[in-house]
Amino acid sequence: MVAAGLGITLMSDLGRAFLPDGGVDVIDLTRPLKRQLLIAHSDASTGRPAIKAFLEGATRITAPT
């Protein structure tokens, strides 16, 4: 839709690799966006190794720098 001139979008730097040749103007933001990540899970699943690893990784990645 963006390439057809029918919309706009926000994308990460990784998204630039998928841009079509021509037809899309990329405008860098003047200040970074902030977002909130919410993760819901049952208390019973907290002890599962995969859930524990995901929660630890998500906490580490999203920690303020």
C-alpha atoms as a PDB file:
ATOM      1  CA  MET A   1       0.000   0.000   0.000  1.00  0.00           C
ATOM      2  CA  VAL A   2       2.860   2.355   0.774  1.00  0.00           C
ATOM      3  CA  ALA A   3       4.559   1.737  -2.570  1.00  0.00           C
ATOM      4  CA  ALA A   4       1.220   2.301  -4.319  1.00  0.00           C
ATOM      5  CA  GLY A   5       0.869   5.702  -2.612  1.00  0.00           C
ATOM      6  CA  LEU A   6      -2.071   4.552  -0.502  1.00  0.00           C
ATOM      7  CA  GLY A   7      -0.562   4.722   2.967  1.00  0.00           C
ATOM      8  CA  ILE A   8       2.296   5.351   5.337  1.00  0.00           C
ATOM      9  CA  THR A   9       4.002   3.092   7.852  1.00  0.00           C
ATOM     10  CA  LEU A  10       6.617   2.967  10.576  1.00  0.00           C
ATOM     11  CA  MET A  11       9.350   0.373  10.194  1.00  0.00           C
ATOM     12  CA  SER A  12      12.643  -0.583  11.731  1.00  0.00           C
ATOM     13  CA  ASP A  13      15.948  -0.314   9.904  1.00  0.00           C
ATOM     14  CA  LEU A  14      15.617  -4.016   9.079  1.00  0.00           C
ATOM     15  CA  GLY A  15      12.490  -3.253   7.042  1.00  0.00           C
ATOM     16  CA  ARG A  16      14.501  -1.209   4.560  1.00  0.00           C
ATOM     17  CA  ALA A  17      15.865  -4.445   3.087  1.00  0.00           C
ATOM     18  CA  PHE A  18      12.375  -5.257   1.782  1.00  0.00           C
ATOM     19  CA  LEU A  19      11.611  -1.922   0.135  1.00  0.00           C
ATOM     20  CA  PRO A  20      10.777  -2.029  -3.565  1.00  0.00           C
ATOM     21  CA  ASP A  21      13.052  -0.169  -5.959  1.00  0.00           C
ATOM     22  CA  GLY A  22      11.672   3.369  -6.141  1.00  0.00           C
ATOM     23  CA  GLY A  23       8.255   4.642  -5.192  1.00  0.00           C
ATOM     24  CA  VAL A  24       8.870   4.837  -1.446  1.00  0.00           C
ATOM     25  CA  ASP A  25      10.303   7.840   0.388  1.00  0.00           C
ATOM     26  CA  VAL A  26      12.078   7.009   3.652  1.00  0.00           C
ATOM     27  CA  ILE A  27      12.051   9.790   6.238  1.00  0.00           C
ATOM     28  CA  ASP A  28      14.035   9.204   9.420  1.00  0.00           C
ATOM     29  CA  LEU A  29      12.368  10.196  12.683  1.00  0.00           C
ATOM     30  CA  THR A  30      13.870  13.136  14.526  1.00  0.00           C
ATOM     31  CA  ARG A  31      13.505  11.426  17.895  1.00  0.00           C
ATOM     32  CA  PRO A  32      13.194   7.742  18.826  1.00  0.00           C
ATOM     33  CA  LEU A  33       9.822   6.191  19.572  1.00  0.00           C
ATOM     34  CA  LYS A  34       9.135   4.552  22.903  1.00  0.00           C
ATOM     35  CA  ARG A  35       6.862   1.562  23.279  1.00  0.00           C
ATOM     36  CA  GLN A  36       5.572  -0.667  26.015  1.00  0.00           C
ATOM     37  CA  LEU A  37       5.783  -4.452  25.845  1.00  0.00           C
ATOM     38  CA  LEU A  38       3.294  -6.483  27.864  1.00  0.00           C
ATOM     39  CA  ILE A  39       3.682 -10.230  28.317  1.00  0.00           C
ATOM     40  CA  ALA A  40       0.834 -12.285  29.731  1.00  0.00           C
ATOM     41  CA  HIS A  41       1.271 -15.826  31.004  1.00  0.00           C
ATOM     42  CA  SER A  42      -0.260 -18.013  33.660  1.00  0.00           C
ATOM     43  CA  ASP A  43       1.474 -18.335  37.006  1.00  0.00           C
ATOM     44  CA  ALA A  44       1.517 -22.103  36.503  1.00  0.00           C
ATOM     45  CA  SER A  45       3.703 -21.757  33.403  1.00  0.00           C
ATOM     46  CA  THR A  46       6.399 -19.616  35.043  1.00  0.00           C
ATOM     47  CA  GLY A  47       8.464 -22.673  36.012  1.00  0.00           C
ATOM     48  CA  ARG A  48       8.620 -24.074  32.472  1.00  0.00           C
ATOM     49  CA  PRO A  49      12.144 -23.735  31.055  1.00  0.00           C
ATOM     50  CA  ALA A  50      11.009 -22.208  27.737  1.00  0.00           C
ATOM     51  CA  ILE A  51       8.756 -19.643  29.455  1.00  0.00           C
ATOM     52  CA  LYS A  52      11.431 -18.810  32.014  1.00  0.00           C
ATOM     53  CA  ALA A  53      14.067 -18.350  29.276  1.00  0.00           C
ATOM     54  CA  PHE A  54      11.747 -16.125  27.230  1.00  0.00           C
ATOM     55  CA  LEU A  55      10.821 -13.940  30.217  1.00  0.00           C
ATOM     56  CA  GLU A  56      14.480 -13.581  31.254  1.00  0.00           C
ATOM     57  CA  GLY A  57      15.511 -12.714  27.702  1.00  0.00           C
ATOM     58  CA  ALA A  58      12.682 -10.228  27.223  1.00  0.00           C
ATOM     59  CA  THR A  59      13.509  -8.584  30.556  1.00  0.00           C
ATOM     60  CA  ARG A  60      17.193  -8.327  29.655  1.00  0.00           C
ATOM     61  CA  ILE A  61      16.552  -6.961  26.132  1.00  0.00           C
ATOM     62  CA  THR A  62      14.020  -4.365  27.273  1.00  0.00           C
ATOM     63  CA  ALA A  63      15.938  -3.118  30.311  1.00  0.00           C
ATOM     64  CA  PRO A  64      16.645   0.634  30.182  1.00  0.00           C
ATOM     65  CA  THR A  65      20.177   1.438  29.138  1.00  0.00           C
END
